Protein backbone atom coordinates (compact mmCIF):
# COMPACT_ATOMS: atom_id res chain seq x y z
CA MET A 1 -6.87 -8.24 11.39
CA LEU A 2 -7.09 -4.47 10.33
CA LYS A 3 -9.53 -3.58 7.82
CA GLN A 4 -8.49 -1.11 4.86
CA ILE A 5 -4.26 -2.83 6.06
CA PRO A 6 -2.97 -4.92 2.55
CA GLN A 7 -2.68 -8.02 3.99
CA ILE A 8 0.88 -9.39 2.80
CA LEU A 9 1.85 -6.81 5.01
CA SER A 10 2.88 -8.21 8.44
CA PRO A 11 2.49 -6.65 11.87
CA ASP A 12 6.41 -6.05 11.61
CA LEU A 13 6.64 -3.67 8.80
CA VAL A 14 3.26 -2.02 9.47
CA LYS A 15 4.83 -1.22 12.88
CA ILE A 16 8.12 0.29 10.89
CA LEU A 17 6.07 2.09 8.81
CA MET A 18 3.81 3.90 11.27
CA GLU A 19 7.19 4.21 13.34
CA MET A 20 8.77 5.76 10.49
CA GLY A 21 8.22 9.82 10.86
CA HIS A 22 8.86 12.47 7.74
CA GLY A 23 12.41 12.15 5.49
CA ASP A 24 13.25 8.64 6.96
CA GLU A 25 14.13 6.15 4.91
CA ILE A 26 13.40 2.78 4.40
CA ILE A 27 15.07 0.55 2.09
CA LEU A 28 13.29 -2.31 -0.17
CA ALA A 29 15.96 -5.48 -0.44
CA ASP A 30 16.16 -7.85 -3.82
CA GLY A 31 17.32 -10.87 -2.25
CA ASN A 32 20.72 -10.81 -2.70
CA PHE A 33 21.28 -7.36 -0.60
CA PRO A 34 23.34 -7.87 2.73
CA GLY A 35 20.70 -5.99 4.57
CA ALA A 36 21.39 -8.45 7.93
CA SER A 37 24.79 -6.45 7.90
CA HIS A 38 23.60 -3.21 7.16
CA THR A 39 21.11 -2.12 9.63
CA ASN A 40 19.80 -3.25 12.72
CA ASN A 41 16.31 -2.83 11.86
CA LEU A 42 14.93 -5.62 9.36
CA VAL A 43 12.04 -7.42 9.12
CA ARG A 44 12.02 -10.12 6.56
CA CYS A 45 9.43 -10.64 4.22
CA ASP A 46 10.56 -14.34 2.73
CA GLY A 47 8.78 -15.44 -0.63
CA LEU A 48 7.23 -11.81 -1.52
CA LYS A 49 8.71 -9.67 -4.28
CA ILE A 50 9.22 -5.93 -4.37
CA PRO A 51 7.00 -5.03 -7.17
CA GLU A 52 3.79 -6.24 -4.81
CA LEU A 53 5.82 -5.10 -1.56
CA LEU A 54 6.06 -1.84 -2.90
CA GLN A 55 2.38 -1.32 -4.26
CA ALA A 56 0.56 -2.72 -0.49
CA ILE A 57 3.20 -0.49 1.64
CA LEU A 58 2.38 2.82 -1.00
CA HIS A 59 -1.42 2.57 0.01
CA LEU A 60 -0.49 3.30 3.50
CA PHE A 61 3.26 5.44 2.79
CA PRO A 62 3.45 8.91 1.43
CA LEU A 63 5.99 9.91 -0.35
CA ASP A 64 8.30 12.79 0.56
CA THR A 65 6.73 16.06 -1.58
CA TYR A 66 10.00 18.67 -0.03
CA VAL A 67 12.85 16.87 -2.05
CA ASP A 68 13.45 16.06 -5.51
CA GLU A 69 13.16 12.45 -5.93
CA ALA A 70 11.20 10.72 -2.83
CA VAL A 71 12.98 6.88 -4.69
CA VAL A 72 15.70 5.69 -5.42
CA LEU A 73 17.36 2.94 -6.69
CA MET A 74 20.80 1.34 -7.43
CA LYS A 75 22.16 2.16 -11.05
CA VAL A 76 23.31 -0.55 -13.44
CA ALA A 77 27.47 -0.97 -12.09
CA GLU A 78 29.74 0.27 -15.63
CA GLY A 79 29.90 -2.74 -17.94
CA ASP A 80 27.43 -4.58 -16.64
CA ASP A 81 25.53 -5.49 -19.87
CA TYR A 82 22.13 -5.38 -18.12
CA GLU A 83 18.87 -3.10 -18.39
CA PRO A 84 16.48 -3.56 -15.49
CA VAL A 85 13.05 -4.53 -16.71
CA ILE A 86 11.06 -3.94 -13.12
CA TRP A 87 11.90 -0.36 -13.09
CA ASP A 88 9.61 -0.25 -15.89
CA THR A 89 7.36 -2.61 -13.08
CA TYR A 90 7.79 0.49 -10.21
CA LYS A 91 7.03 3.32 -12.16
CA GLU A 92 4.21 1.90 -13.15
CA ILE A 93 3.03 1.21 -9.17
CA LEU A 94 4.27 4.49 -9.08
CA GLN A 95 2.33 6.12 -11.45
CA SER A 96 -1.18 3.76 -10.26
CA SER A 97 -0.35 4.62 -7.09
CA GLU A 98 -0.91 8.45 -7.54
CA VAL A 99 1.53 9.61 -5.84
CA GLU A 100 2.35 13.23 -5.09
CA ASN A 101 6.23 12.29 -6.18
CA SER A 102 7.23 10.04 -8.50
CA ASN A 103 10.54 11.29 -9.05
CA VAL A 104 13.07 9.13 -9.58
CA GLU A 105 17.14 8.94 -8.34
CA TYR A 106 19.80 6.36 -10.09
CA VAL A 107 22.62 5.87 -7.41
CA GLU A 108 26.07 4.19 -7.94
CA ARG A 109 26.02 0.70 -6.13
CA PHE A 110 28.20 1.13 -3.08
CA ASN A 111 26.65 4.58 -2.28
CA PHE A 112 23.36 3.24 -2.34
CA TYR A 113 23.99 0.43 0.04
CA GLU A 114 26.05 3.47 2.23
CA ARG A 115 22.83 5.68 2.32
CA SER A 116 21.23 2.32 3.25
CA LYS A 117 23.39 1.81 6.87
CA GLN A 118 21.30 5.26 7.29
CA ALA A 119 17.93 4.04 6.43
CA TYR A 120 15.30 3.75 9.19
CA ALA A 121 14.78 -0.30 8.05
CA ILE A 122 15.75 -2.53 5.60
CA VAL A 123 12.98 -5.17 4.26
CA THR A 124 14.40 -8.23 2.59
CA THR A 125 12.54 -9.62 0.10
CA SER A 126 12.44 -12.72 -2.13
CA GLU A 127 13.20 -11.00 -5.45
CA GLN A 128 15.42 -12.28 -7.68
CA SER A 129 15.51 -9.53 -10.47
CA LEU A 130 18.88 -7.56 -10.93
CA TYR A 131 19.61 -4.34 -9.34
CA ALA A 132 15.77 -4.27 -8.14
CA ASN A 133 16.50 -2.23 -4.45
CA MET A 134 14.59 0.44 -4.07
CA ILE A 135 14.77 3.20 -0.94
CA LEU A 136 11.13 4.91 -0.75
CA LYS A 137 11.53 8.39 1.85
CA LYS A 138 9.00 9.45 3.67
CA GLY A 139 6.24 11.93 3.52
CA VAL A 140 4.23 13.60 5.84
CA ILE A 141 0.19 13.34 5.38
CA GLN A 142 -1.45 16.53 4.35
């Protein structure tokens, strides 16, 4: 155990967060996301939901301030009549975490999948909310 590291973060996830450099991206994926087929750097966080994981990660992880949007969400598919309530939860967490760049970009589903293949790592969770997938772009500590 270490001081000030949220207990919800596994050693594997902390290692990944530390290895990442400026501009690297990490995916926080819901339970439906095809994480294993999209990366060689998969971290399983079974039993965890994205909001609690996001809050813990932001405790350690600076978001990129050199881009317009350091947070990316998967757009609702055209014709899908669904409003992701979890997005409001994410925005509340971002605001309460006092990150410097909480601007959000919305990316079409298949573009999101392609972008995820280039991410440093994918973290799979047991999140059941639809359209809960998120990309975080790492910044620098100043």
